[in-house]
Amino acid sequence: DRGEYKLDANYSNLLLVNGSNPLPEDYDYEGNLTEIPQKYIKGSLTQIDKDVWPYLQAMLDTARGEGIDIGVWSPYRSYNTQKWLFERQVQKQIDNGVPEEQAEDKAATVVARPGTSEHHTGLALDINCANDSFETTKAFKWLQENAADYGFIMRYSEEKQEKTGVIHESWHWRFVGINTAKEINQLGMCLEEYLEYNS
């Protein structure tokens, strides 16, 4: 029963954060966060936007109630955490033989540059892991079928990489709002396209 979670199908948040839309310099990273209870956590990070939490909790509880193993791997990330992850990815590219002057751009398709990650907003999270194997799981199949009912979309698909600038990530889900998520899925758009279409 979704009533106990107080979900509003019309509530939405369409803040766009990507490589060409960094957060403003004075963005309040910490201002709107809440702690996710430990029983839902699969990684080391534990915060999410407080207005999104009821939707996420309803989704996690429902999935778990149906026997689906689902939890939060990486929700909100601070600027410094992102900086560390990005620098680590740049080094990995260099170690893999990518020329240094190309390593940052290549890294940015895998890990967002600090200030340009949806994880900074508390509106997005990685579910269970950050690994391509997620796509073969029951959890992924369940999310594909049900996540929009709780306001979440899979943010980065292979066919939209040109628009999003990000590789296919089956594990990265973003809250946009219930009615909005359903509409985005129906239209077969990514968030960038949807915002353009609605402008």
N, C-alpha and C. Protein backbone atom coordinates (compact mmCIF):
# COMPACT_ATOMS: atom_id res chain seq x y z
N ASP A 1 0.84 -1.20 0.00
CA ASP A 1 0.00 0.00 0.00
C ASP A 1 0.88 1.24 0.00
N ARG A 2 0.78 2.01 -1.08
CA ARG A 2 1.66 3.17 -1.19
C ARG A 2 1.24 4.32 -0.32
N GLY A 3 0.00 4.27 0.19
CA GLY A 3 -0.49 5.33 1.05
C GLY A 3 0.43 5.59 2.23
N GLU A 4 0.97 4.51 2.81
CA GLU A 4 1.79 4.70 4.01
C GLU A 4 3.08 5.47 3.69
N TYR A 5 3.46 5.54 2.43
CA TYR A 5 4.68 6.26 2.07
C TYR A 5 4.41 7.69 1.60
N LYS A 6 3.13 8.08 1.49
CA LYS A 6 2.77 9.43 1.04
C LYS A 6 3.45 9.81 -0.28
N LEU A 7 3.18 9.05 -1.31
CA LEU A 7 3.76 9.34 -2.62
C LEU A 7 2.80 10.19 -3.44
N ASP A 8 3.33 11.20 -4.07
CA ASP A 8 2.54 12.10 -4.91
C ASP A 8 2.97 11.91 -6.36
N ALA A 9 2.07 11.38 -7.18
CA ALA A 9 2.43 11.05 -8.57
C ALA A 9 2.84 12.28 -9.37
N ASN A 10 2.39 13.46 -8.94
CA ASN A 10 2.72 14.67 -9.69
C ASN A 10 4.02 15.34 -9.25
N TYR A 11 4.54 14.91 -8.10
CA TYR A 11 5.79 15.51 -7.63
C TYR A 11 6.92 15.10 -8.57
N SER A 12 7.72 16.09 -9.00
CA SER A 12 8.84 15.72 -9.87
C SER A 12 10.05 16.60 -9.57
N ASN A 13 11.19 16.13 -9.99
CA ASN A 13 12.42 16.92 -9.89
C ASN A 13 13.22 16.64 -11.15
N LEU A 14 13.34 17.66 -11.99
CA LEU A 14 13.97 17.47 -13.30
C LEU A 14 15.30 18.21 -13.41
N LEU A 15 15.94 18.43 -12.28
CA LEU A 15 17.25 19.08 -12.29
C LEU A 15 18.19 18.31 -13.23
N LEU A 16 18.75 19.01 -14.21
CA LEU A 16 19.65 18.36 -15.15
C LEU A 16 21.09 18.64 -14.77
N VAL A 17 21.84 17.57 -14.51
CA VAL A 17 23.26 17.69 -14.21
C VAL A 17 23.98 16.74 -15.15
N ASN A 18 24.85 17.29 -15.99
CA ASN A 18 25.66 16.45 -16.88
C ASN A 18 26.91 17.21 -17.27
N GLY A 19 27.68 16.65 -18.19
CA GLY A 19 28.94 17.24 -18.58
C GLY A 19 28.83 18.69 -19.02
N SER A 20 27.73 19.04 -19.68
CA SER A 20 27.58 20.43 -20.12
C SER A 20 26.71 21.26 -19.17
N ASN A 21 26.16 20.63 -18.14
CA ASN A 21 25.37 21.37 -17.14
C ASN A 21 25.89 21.09 -15.73
N PRO A 22 27.06 21.65 -15.40
CA PRO A 22 27.56 21.42 -14.04
C PRO A 22 26.69 22.15 -13.02
N LEU A 23 26.77 21.74 -11.80
CA LEU A 23 26.06 22.43 -10.73
C LEU A 23 26.70 23.80 -10.52
N PRO A 24 25.90 24.80 -10.11
CA PRO A 24 26.47 26.13 -9.87
C PRO A 24 27.51 26.09 -8.75
N GLU A 25 28.45 27.03 -8.81
CA GLU A 25 29.54 27.10 -7.82
C GLU A 25 29.01 27.07 -6.40
N ASP A 26 27.87 27.75 -6.17
CA ASP A 26 27.37 27.89 -4.79
C ASP A 26 26.33 26.82 -4.45
N TYR A 27 26.31 25.73 -5.21
CA TYR A 27 25.33 24.68 -4.96
C TYR A 27 25.47 24.12 -3.54
N ASP A 28 24.36 23.95 -2.87
CA ASP A 28 24.36 23.41 -1.50
C ASP A 28 24.32 21.88 -1.57
N TYR A 29 25.47 21.26 -1.48
CA TYR A 29 25.57 19.81 -1.63
C TYR A 29 24.86 19.06 -0.51
N GLU A 30 24.94 19.60 0.71
CA GLU A 30 24.50 18.82 1.88
C GLU A 30 23.08 19.16 2.31
N GLY A 31 22.51 20.25 1.77
CA GLY A 31 21.32 20.87 2.35
C GLY A 31 20.07 20.05 2.42
N ASN A 32 19.86 19.11 1.51
CA ASN A 32 18.55 18.48 1.46
C ASN A 32 18.62 16.97 1.65
N LEU A 33 19.60 16.51 2.44
CA LEU A 33 19.84 15.07 2.51
C LEU A 33 19.26 14.44 3.76
N THR A 34 19.00 13.15 3.67
CA THR A 34 18.60 12.38 4.83
C THR A 34 19.39 11.07 4.84
N GLU A 35 19.52 10.46 6.00
CA GLU A 35 20.23 9.19 6.12
C GLU A 35 19.32 8.03 5.68
N ILE A 36 19.85 7.13 4.90
CA ILE A 36 19.12 5.91 4.54
C ILE A 36 19.40 4.87 5.63
N PRO A 37 18.37 4.25 6.19
CA PRO A 37 18.62 3.24 7.23
C PRO A 37 19.58 2.13 6.73
N GLN A 38 20.41 1.67 7.63
CA GLN A 38 21.49 0.72 7.31
C GLN A 38 20.98 -0.55 6.62
N LYS A 39 19.76 -0.97 6.95
CA LYS A 39 19.28 -2.24 6.38
C LYS A 39 19.13 -2.18 4.86
N TYR A 40 19.11 -0.96 4.28
CA TYR A 40 18.97 -0.83 2.83
C TYR A 40 20.31 -0.66 2.12
N ILE A 41 21.38 -0.53 2.90
CA ILE A 41 22.68 -0.12 2.34
C ILE A 41 23.54 -1.32 1.95
N LYS A 42 24.11 -1.24 0.74
CA LYS A 42 25.02 -2.30 0.29
C LYS A 42 26.45 -1.79 0.09
N GLY A 43 26.62 -0.47 0.23
CA GLY A 43 27.96 0.09 0.06
C GLY A 43 28.35 0.88 1.29
N SER A 44 29.12 1.97 1.10
CA SER A 44 29.55 2.74 2.27
C SER A 44 28.87 4.11 2.34
N LEU A 45 28.17 4.51 1.27
CA LEU A 45 27.52 5.83 1.26
C LEU A 45 26.05 5.67 1.65
N THR A 46 25.52 6.66 2.39
CA THR A 46 24.22 6.42 3.05
C THR A 46 23.23 7.57 2.98
N GLN A 47 23.42 8.55 2.09
CA GLN A 47 22.50 9.68 2.09
C GLN A 47 21.78 9.84 0.76
N ILE A 48 20.57 10.41 0.84
CA ILE A 48 19.77 10.65 -0.38
C ILE A 48 18.92 11.90 -0.12
N ASP A 49 18.43 12.49 -1.18
CA ASP A 49 17.54 13.65 -1.05
C ASP A 49 16.33 13.26 -0.19
N LYS A 50 16.00 14.09 0.79
CA LYS A 50 14.95 13.71 1.75
C LYS A 50 13.57 13.60 1.09
N ASP A 51 13.34 14.37 0.03
CA ASP A 51 12.04 14.30 -0.65
C ASP A 51 11.92 13.06 -1.52
N VAL A 52 13.05 12.51 -1.90
CA VAL A 52 13.07 11.31 -2.76
C VAL A 52 13.00 10.04 -1.91
N TRP A 53 13.46 10.14 -0.67
CA TRP A 53 13.55 8.95 0.17
C TRP A 53 12.24 8.16 0.28
N PRO A 54 11.06 8.79 0.49
CA PRO A 54 9.84 7.97 0.59
C PRO A 54 9.59 7.12 -0.67
N TYR A 55 9.94 7.67 -1.83
CA TYR A 55 9.73 6.94 -3.09
C TYR A 55 10.71 5.77 -3.19
N LEU A 56 11.95 6.05 -2.81
CA LEU A 56 12.96 4.99 -2.83
C LEU A 56 12.63 3.90 -1.83
N GLN A 57 12.24 4.31 -0.63
CA GLN A 57 11.91 3.32 0.40
C GLN A 57 10.74 2.44 -0.04
N ALA A 58 9.72 3.05 -0.62
CA ALA A 58 8.57 2.29 -1.09
C ALA A 58 9.02 1.27 -2.15
N MET A 59 9.91 1.70 -3.05
CA MET A 59 10.39 0.82 -4.11
C MET A 59 11.22 -0.34 -3.53
N LEU A 60 12.12 -0.03 -2.61
CA LEU A 60 12.96 -1.07 -2.00
C LEU A 60 12.11 -2.05 -1.21
N ASP A 61 11.18 -1.53 -0.42
CA ASP A 61 10.33 -2.40 0.41
C ASP A 61 9.47 -3.32 -0.46
N THR A 62 8.91 -2.76 -1.54
CA THR A 62 8.06 -3.57 -2.40
C THR A 62 8.87 -4.67 -3.07
N ALA A 63 10.03 -4.31 -3.61
CA ALA A 63 10.88 -5.30 -4.28
C ALA A 63 11.29 -6.39 -3.29
N ARG A 64 11.72 -5.98 -2.12
CA ARG A 64 12.13 -6.97 -1.11
C ARG A 64 10.96 -7.85 -0.69
N GLY A 65 9.78 -7.25 -0.63
CA GLY A 65 8.58 -8.01 -0.29
C GLY A 65 8.26 -9.07 -1.34
N GLU A 66 8.74 -8.83 -2.57
CA GLU A 66 8.53 -9.79 -3.66
C GLU A 66 9.75 -10.71 -3.83
N GLY A 67 10.64 -10.68 -2.85
CA GLY A 67 11.79 -11.59 -2.87
C GLY A 67 12.93 -11.13 -3.76
N ILE A 68 12.96 -9.84 -4.12
CA ILE A 68 14.02 -9.32 -4.97
C ILE A 68 15.10 -8.70 -4.10
N ASP A 69 16.33 -9.16 -4.27
CA ASP A 69 17.45 -8.63 -3.48
C ASP A 69 17.87 -7.28 -4.06
N ILE A 70 17.55 -6.23 -3.35
CA ILE A 70 17.80 -4.90 -3.89
C ILE A 70 18.22 -3.97 -2.75
N GLY A 71 19.24 -3.18 -3.03
CA GLY A 71 19.73 -2.26 -2.00
C GLY A 71 20.50 -1.12 -2.63
N VAL A 72 20.93 -0.20 -1.79
CA VAL A 72 21.57 1.03 -2.25
C VAL A 72 23.08 0.88 -2.21
N TRP A 73 23.69 0.95 -3.39
CA TRP A 73 25.14 0.82 -3.48
C TRP A 73 25.80 2.19 -3.35
N SER A 74 25.39 3.14 -4.19
CA SER A 74 26.01 4.46 -4.14
C SER A 74 24.97 5.56 -4.40
N PRO A 75 24.48 6.20 -3.32
CA PRO A 75 23.53 7.29 -3.51
C PRO A 75 24.26 8.63 -3.62
N TYR A 76 23.99 9.56 -2.71
CA TYR A 76 24.65 10.87 -2.72
C TYR A 76 26.17 10.73 -2.59
N ARG A 77 26.88 11.52 -3.41
CA ARG A 77 28.35 11.60 -3.28
C ARG A 77 28.76 13.06 -3.19
N SER A 78 29.65 13.35 -2.26
CA SER A 78 30.16 14.71 -2.13
C SER A 78 31.07 15.04 -3.32
N TYR A 79 31.36 16.31 -3.47
CA TYR A 79 32.28 16.78 -4.51
C TYR A 79 33.63 16.08 -4.37
N ASN A 80 34.13 15.98 -3.15
CA ASN A 80 35.45 15.39 -2.94
C ASN A 80 35.49 13.90 -3.24
N THR A 81 34.41 13.20 -2.90
CA THR A 81 34.34 11.77 -3.23
C THR A 81 34.37 11.61 -4.75
N GLN A 82 33.62 12.46 -5.44
CA GLN A 82 33.57 12.39 -6.90
C GLN A 82 34.93 12.70 -7.51
N LYS A 83 35.59 13.67 -6.93
CA LYS A 83 36.92 14.08 -7.41
C LYS A 83 37.88 12.89 -7.32
N TRP A 84 37.84 12.22 -6.18
CA TRP A 84 38.69 11.05 -5.97
C TRP A 84 38.38 9.94 -6.98
N LEU A 85 37.07 9.67 -7.17
CA LEU A 85 36.66 8.63 -8.12
C LEU A 85 37.09 8.98 -9.54
N PHE A 86 36.95 10.25 -9.89
CA PHE A 86 37.31 10.70 -11.24
C PHE A 86 38.81 10.58 -11.47
N GLU A 87 39.59 11.04 -10.51
CA GLU A 87 41.05 10.97 -10.65
C GLU A 87 41.52 9.52 -10.73
N ARG A 88 40.86 8.66 -9.97
CA ARG A 88 41.21 7.23 -10.01
C ARG A 88 40.92 6.65 -11.40
N GLN A 89 39.79 7.07 -12.00
CA GLN A 89 39.43 6.58 -13.33
C GLN A 89 40.39 7.11 -14.40
N VAL A 90 40.83 8.37 -14.26
CA VAL A 90 41.82 8.94 -15.19
C VAL A 90 43.09 8.10 -15.15
N GLN A 91 43.54 7.78 -13.94
CA GLN A 91 44.76 6.97 -13.78
C GLN A 91 44.60 5.59 -14.40
N LYS A 92 43.39 5.02 -14.22
CA LYS A 92 43.11 3.70 -14.79
C LYS A 92 43.22 3.74 -16.32
N GLN A 93 42.69 4.82 -16.93
CA GLN A 93 42.77 4.98 -18.39
C GLN A 93 44.23 5.06 -18.84
N ILE A 94 45.02 5.83 -18.11
CA ILE A 94 46.44 5.98 -18.43
C ILE A 94 47.14 4.63 -18.30
N ASP A 95 46.82 3.92 -17.22
CA ASP A 95 47.41 2.58 -17.01
C ASP A 95 47.03 1.62 -18.12
N ASN A 96 45.85 1.84 -18.71
CA ASN A 96 45.39 0.99 -19.82
C ASN A 96 45.93 1.45 -21.17
N GLY A 97 46.84 2.43 -21.15
CA GLY A 97 47.49 2.84 -22.39
C GLY A 97 46.82 3.98 -23.14
N VAL A 98 45.81 4.60 -22.53
CA VAL A 98 45.19 5.77 -23.18
C VAL A 98 46.16 6.95 -23.01
N PRO A 99 46.47 7.67 -24.12
CA PRO A 99 47.38 8.81 -24.01
C PRO A 99 46.87 9.83 -22.98
N GLU A 100 47.80 10.42 -22.23
CA GLU A 100 47.43 11.28 -21.12
C GLU A 100 46.46 12.40 -21.51
N GLU A 101 46.66 12.98 -22.70
CA GLU A 101 45.80 14.11 -23.08
C GLU A 101 44.37 13.65 -23.42
N GLN A 102 44.18 12.37 -23.63
CA GLN A 102 42.83 11.85 -23.90
C GLN A 102 42.20 11.18 -22.68
N ALA A 103 43.02 10.94 -21.67
CA ALA A 103 42.58 10.13 -20.53
C ALA A 103 41.41 10.77 -19.77
N GLU A 104 41.45 12.11 -19.62
CA GLU A 104 40.37 12.77 -18.87
C GLU A 104 39.03 12.65 -19.59
N ASP A 105 39.04 12.89 -20.90
CA ASP A 105 37.79 12.80 -21.66
C ASP A 105 37.23 11.39 -21.64
N LYS A 106 38.12 10.41 -21.77
CA LYS A 106 37.70 9.01 -21.75
C LYS A 106 37.15 8.66 -20.36
N ALA A 107 37.85 9.12 -19.34
CA ALA A 107 37.41 8.86 -17.96
C ALA A 107 36.03 9.45 -17.71
N ALA A 108 35.76 10.61 -18.29
CA ALA A 108 34.50 11.33 -18.04
C ALA A 108 33.29 10.59 -18.61
N THR A 109 33.49 9.65 -19.53
CA THR A 109 32.36 8.85 -20.02
C THR A 109 31.99 7.75 -19.02
N VAL A 110 32.91 7.47 -18.10
CA VAL A 110 32.71 6.39 -17.13
C VAL A 110 32.38 6.96 -15.75
N VAL A 111 33.12 7.98 -15.34
CA VAL A 111 32.92 8.64 -14.05
C VAL A 111 32.80 10.14 -14.32
N ALA A 112 31.71 10.74 -13.88
CA ALA A 112 31.50 12.16 -14.17
C ALA A 112 32.58 13.02 -13.52
N ARG A 113 32.93 14.11 -14.21
CA ARG A 113 33.83 15.09 -13.59
C ARG A 113 33.15 15.66 -12.34
N PRO A 114 33.94 15.99 -11.33
CA PRO A 114 33.34 16.56 -10.11
C PRO A 114 32.52 17.80 -10.47
N GLY A 115 31.33 17.90 -9.87
CA GLY A 115 30.44 19.02 -10.17
C GLY A 115 29.45 18.72 -11.27
N THR A 116 29.65 17.60 -11.98
CA THR A 116 28.75 17.26 -13.10
C THR A 116 28.03 15.92 -12.88
N SER A 117 28.11 15.39 -11.67
CA SER A 117 27.51 14.08 -11.41
C SER A 117 26.13 14.19 -10.80
N GLU A 118 25.20 13.37 -11.28
CA GLU A 118 23.87 13.31 -10.66
C GLU A 118 23.95 12.87 -9.20
N HIS A 119 25.01 12.15 -8.87
CA HIS A 119 25.15 11.68 -7.49
C HIS A 119 25.29 12.85 -6.50
N HIS A 120 25.75 14.01 -6.99
CA HIS A 120 25.88 15.18 -6.09
C HIS A 120 24.52 15.68 -5.61
N THR A 121 23.47 15.38 -6.36
CA THR A 121 22.16 15.98 -6.08
C THR A 121 21.35 15.20 -5.06
N GLY A 122 21.73 13.95 -4.83
CA GLY A 122 20.92 13.09 -3.96
C GLY A 122 19.67 12.58 -4.65
N LEU A 123 19.57 12.82 -5.98
CA LEU A 123 18.39 12.38 -6.74
C LEU A 123 18.63 11.06 -7.46
N ALA A 124 19.89 10.59 -7.43
CA ALA A 124 20.24 9.39 -8.19
C ALA A 124 20.97 8.40 -7.30
N LEU A 125 20.92 7.15 -7.69
CA LEU A 125 21.66 6.15 -6.92
C LEU A 125 22.04 4.98 -7.82
N ASP A 126 23.12 4.32 -7.43
CA ASP A 126 23.48 3.05 -8.04
C ASP A 126 22.85 1.98 -7.17
N ILE A 127 22.23 1.01 -7.83
CA ILE A 127 21.53 -0.05 -7.10
C ILE A 127 22.34 -1.35 -7.14
N ASN A 128 22.59 -1.91 -5.97
CA ASN A 128 23.28 -3.19 -5.76
C ASN A 128 24.78 -3.19 -6.06
N CYS A 129 25.21 -2.51 -7.14
CA CYS A 129 26.62 -2.57 -7.53
C CYS A 129 26.81 -1.53 -8.62
N ALA A 130 28.03 -1.47 -9.17
CA ALA A 130 28.22 -0.64 -10.37
C ALA A 130 28.96 -1.54 -11.34
N ASN A 131 28.22 -2.45 -11.92
CA ASN A 131 28.85 -3.53 -12.67
C ASN A 131 27.90 -4.03 -13.75
N ASP A 132 28.44 -4.28 -14.93
CA ASP A 132 27.60 -4.72 -16.05
C ASP A 132 26.83 -6.00 -15.76
N SER A 133 27.33 -6.79 -14.83
CA SER A 133 26.65 -8.05 -14.51
C SER A 133 25.26 -7.79 -13.92
N PHE A 134 25.03 -6.55 -13.46
CA PHE A 134 23.73 -6.22 -12.86
C PHE A 134 22.60 -6.48 -13.84
N GLU A 135 22.91 -6.28 -15.13
CA GLU A 135 21.88 -6.43 -16.15
C GLU A 135 21.28 -7.83 -16.25
N THR A 136 22.00 -8.81 -15.75
CA THR A 136 21.52 -10.19 -15.86
C THR A 136 20.73 -10.60 -14.61
N THR A 137 20.51 -9.65 -13.69
CA THR A 137 19.89 -10.02 -12.41
C THR A 137 18.38 -9.83 -12.41
N LYS A 138 17.73 -10.50 -11.47
CA LYS A 138 16.29 -10.33 -11.27
C LYS A 138 15.99 -8.91 -10.82
N ALA A 139 16.90 -8.33 -10.05
CA ALA A 139 16.70 -6.97 -9.56
C ALA A 139 16.58 -5.99 -10.74
N PHE A 140 17.43 -6.15 -11.73
CA PHE A 140 17.38 -5.25 -12.89
C PHE A 140 16.08 -5.42 -13.65
N LYS A 141 15.69 -6.67 -13.86
CA LYS A 141 14.45 -6.95 -14.57
C LYS A 141 13.26 -6.33 -13.81
N TRP A 142 13.29 -6.46 -12.49
CA TRP A 142 12.21 -5.90 -11.66
C TRP A 142 12.18 -4.38 -11.81
N LEU A 143 13.33 -3.75 -11.77
CA LEU A 143 13.39 -2.29 -11.90
C LEU A 143 12.87 -1.84 -13.26
N GLN A 144 13.23 -2.56 -14.31
CA GLN A 144 12.76 -2.20 -15.64
C GLN A 144 11.23 -2.18 -15.68
N GLU A 145 10.65 -3.14 -14.98
CA GLU A 145 9.19 -3.26 -15.01
C GLU A 145 8.49 -2.33 -14.02
N ASN A 146 9.15 -1.99 -12.91
CA ASN A 146 8.45 -1.32 -11.81
C ASN A 146 8.98 0.04 -11.37
N ALA A 147 10.22 0.37 -11.70
CA ALA A 147 10.84 1.58 -11.13
C ALA A 147 10.05 2.85 -11.41
N ALA A 148 9.46 2.94 -12.60
CA ALA A 148 8.71 4.16 -12.96
C ALA A 148 7.52 4.39 -12.02
N ASP A 149 6.97 3.30 -11.48
CA ASP A 149 5.85 3.43 -10.54
C ASP A 149 6.26 4.17 -9.27
N TYR A 150 7.56 4.28 -9.05
CA TYR A 150 8.09 4.99 -7.88
C TYR A 150 8.85 6.25 -8.29
N GLY A 151 8.81 6.55 -9.59
CA GLY A 151 9.42 7.80 -10.05
C GLY A 151 10.85 7.70 -10.56
N PHE A 152 11.35 6.48 -10.76
CA PHE A 152 12.75 6.32 -11.17
C PHE A 152 12.89 5.87 -12.62
N ILE A 153 13.92 6.40 -13.29
CA ILE A 153 14.25 5.95 -14.64
C ILE A 153 15.70 5.45 -14.66
N MET A 154 15.97 4.50 -15.55
CA MET A 154 17.36 4.14 -15.80
C MET A 154 17.94 5.28 -16.63
N ARG A 155 18.95 5.91 -16.12
CA ARG A 155 19.38 7.19 -16.68
C ARG A 155 20.23 7.07 -17.94
N TYR A 156 21.06 6.03 -18.01
CA TYR A 156 22.05 5.97 -19.10
C TYR A 156 21.94 4.67 -19.88
N SER A 157 21.37 4.76 -21.08
CA SER A 157 21.29 3.57 -21.92
C SER A 157 22.27 3.71 -23.08
N GLU A 158 22.62 2.59 -23.65
CA GLU A 158 23.61 2.57 -24.73
C GLU A 158 23.18 3.45 -25.90
N GLU A 159 21.88 3.33 -26.28
CA GLU A 159 21.44 4.07 -27.48
C GLU A 159 21.37 5.57 -27.25
N LYS A 160 21.46 6.02 -25.99
CA LYS A 160 21.38 7.46 -25.71
C LYS A 160 22.74 8.05 -25.33
N GLN A 161 23.81 7.27 -25.48
CA GLN A 161 25.12 7.75 -25.02
C GLN A 161 25.53 9.06 -25.69
N GLU A 162 25.16 9.22 -26.95
CA GLU A 162 25.49 10.45 -27.65
C GLU A 162 24.86 11.67 -26.98
N LYS A 163 23.66 11.47 -26.44
CA LYS A 163 22.94 12.58 -25.78
C LYS A 163 23.41 12.78 -24.33
N THR A 164 23.65 11.67 -23.63
CA THR A 164 23.97 11.78 -22.20
C THR A 164 25.46 11.98 -21.96
N GLY A 165 26.28 11.49 -22.89
CA GLY A 165 27.73 11.55 -22.70
C GLY A 165 28.25 10.51 -21.74
N VAL A 166 27.38 9.56 -21.36
CA VAL A 166 27.75 8.55 -20.36
C VAL A 166 27.50 7.15 -20.92
N ILE A 167 28.41 6.24 -20.60
CA ILE A 167 28.27 4.85 -21.05
C ILE A 167 27.00 4.23 -20.46
N HIS A 168 26.60 3.11 -21.04
CA HIS A 168 25.44 2.35 -20.56
C HIS A 168 25.66 1.94 -19.10
N GLU A 169 24.73 2.33 -18.23
CA GLU A 169 24.83 1.96 -16.81
C GLU A 169 23.48 1.43 -16.33
N SER A 170 23.36 0.12 -16.31
CA SER A 170 22.08 -0.49 -15.92
C SER A 170 21.78 -0.28 -14.44
N TRP A 171 22.79 0.06 -13.67
CA TRP A 171 22.65 0.17 -12.21
C TRP A 171 22.31 1.58 -11.73
N HIS A 172 22.43 2.58 -12.61
CA HIS A 172 22.24 3.98 -12.19
C HIS A 172 20.81 4.42 -12.47
N TRP A 173 20.07 4.68 -11.39
CA TRP A 173 18.65 5.07 -11.48
C TRP A 173 18.46 6.44 -10.89
N ARG A 174 17.63 7.23 -11.55
CA ARG A 174 17.46 8.64 -11.18
C ARG A 174 15.99 8.93 -10.90
N PHE A 175 15.73 9.61 -9.80
CA PHE A 175 14.36 10.02 -9.51
C PHE A 175 13.99 11.22 -10.37
N VAL A 176 12.85 11.12 -11.06
CA VAL A 176 12.32 12.27 -11.80
C VAL A 176 10.88 12.57 -11.35
N GLY A 177 10.19 11.57 -10.82
CA GLY A 177 8.79 11.71 -10.44
C GLY A 177 7.97 10.63 -11.13
N ILE A 178 6.90 10.20 -10.52
CA ILE A 178 6.15 9.04 -11.03
C ILE A 178 5.55 9.30 -12.41
N ASN A 179 4.74 10.34 -12.53
CA ASN A 179 4.12 10.61 -13.85
C ASN A 179 5.16 10.93 -14.90
N THR A 180 6.19 11.66 -14.49
CA THR A 180 7.27 12.02 -15.43
C THR A 180 8.02 10.77 -15.88
N ALA A 181 8.35 9.89 -14.96
CA ALA A 181 9.08 8.66 -15.31
C ALA A 181 8.29 7.83 -16.32
N LYS A 182 7.00 7.72 -16.08
CA LYS A 182 6.15 6.94 -17.00
C LYS A 182 6.14 7.58 -18.39
N GLU A 183 6.06 8.90 -18.41
CA GLU A 183 6.02 9.61 -19.69
C GLU A 183 7.36 9.48 -20.43
N ILE A 184 8.45 9.63 -19.70
CA ILE A 184 9.79 9.50 -20.31
C ILE A 184 9.95 8.11 -20.93
N ASN A 185 9.52 7.08 -20.18
CA ASN A 185 9.64 5.71 -20.69
C ASN A 185 8.75 5.49 -21.91
N GLN A 186 7.54 6.04 -21.85
CA GLN A 186 6.61 5.90 -22.97
C GLN A 186 7.18 6.53 -24.23
N LEU A 187 7.80 7.68 -24.06
CA LEU A 187 8.35 8.42 -25.20
C LEU A 187 9.68 7.82 -25.66
N GLY A 188 10.26 6.95 -24.84
CA GLY A 188 11.55 6.37 -25.18
C GLY A 188 12.68 7.39 -25.21
N MET A 189 12.60 8.34 -24.31
CA MET A 189 13.60 9.42 -24.28
C MET A 189 14.52 9.29 -23.08
N CYS A 190 15.67 9.98 -23.16
CA CYS A 190 16.49 10.18 -21.97
C CYS A 190 16.11 11.54 -21.40
N LEU A 191 16.59 11.87 -20.22
CA LEU A 191 16.19 13.11 -19.56
C LEU A 191 16.53 14.34 -20.40
N GLU A 192 17.70 14.32 -21.03
CA GLU A 192 18.09 15.45 -21.89
C GLU A 192 17.06 15.69 -22.99
N GLU A 193 16.65 14.60 -23.65
CA GLU A 193 15.67 14.72 -24.75
C GLU A 193 14.31 15.19 -24.21
N TYR A 194 13.94 14.67 -23.07
CA TYR A 194 12.64 15.00 -22.49
C TYR A 194 12.57 16.49 -22.14
N LEU A 195 13.63 17.01 -21.57
CA LEU A 195 13.64 18.42 -21.20
C LEU A 195 13.59 19.32 -22.44
N GLU A 196 14.26 18.88 -23.50
CA GLU A 196 14.23 19.62 -24.77
C GLU A 196 12.81 19.60 -25.35
N TYR A 197 12.21 18.41 -25.30
CA TYR A 197 10.88 18.17 -25.85
C TYR A 197 9.84 18.99 -25.09
N ASN A 198 10.08 19.21 -23.79
CA ASN A 198 9.12 19.92 -22.96
C ASN A 198 9.42 21.41 -22.82
N SER A 199 10.45 21.89 -23.49
CA SER A 199 10.82 23.29 -23.26
C SER A 199 10.04 24.22 -24.16
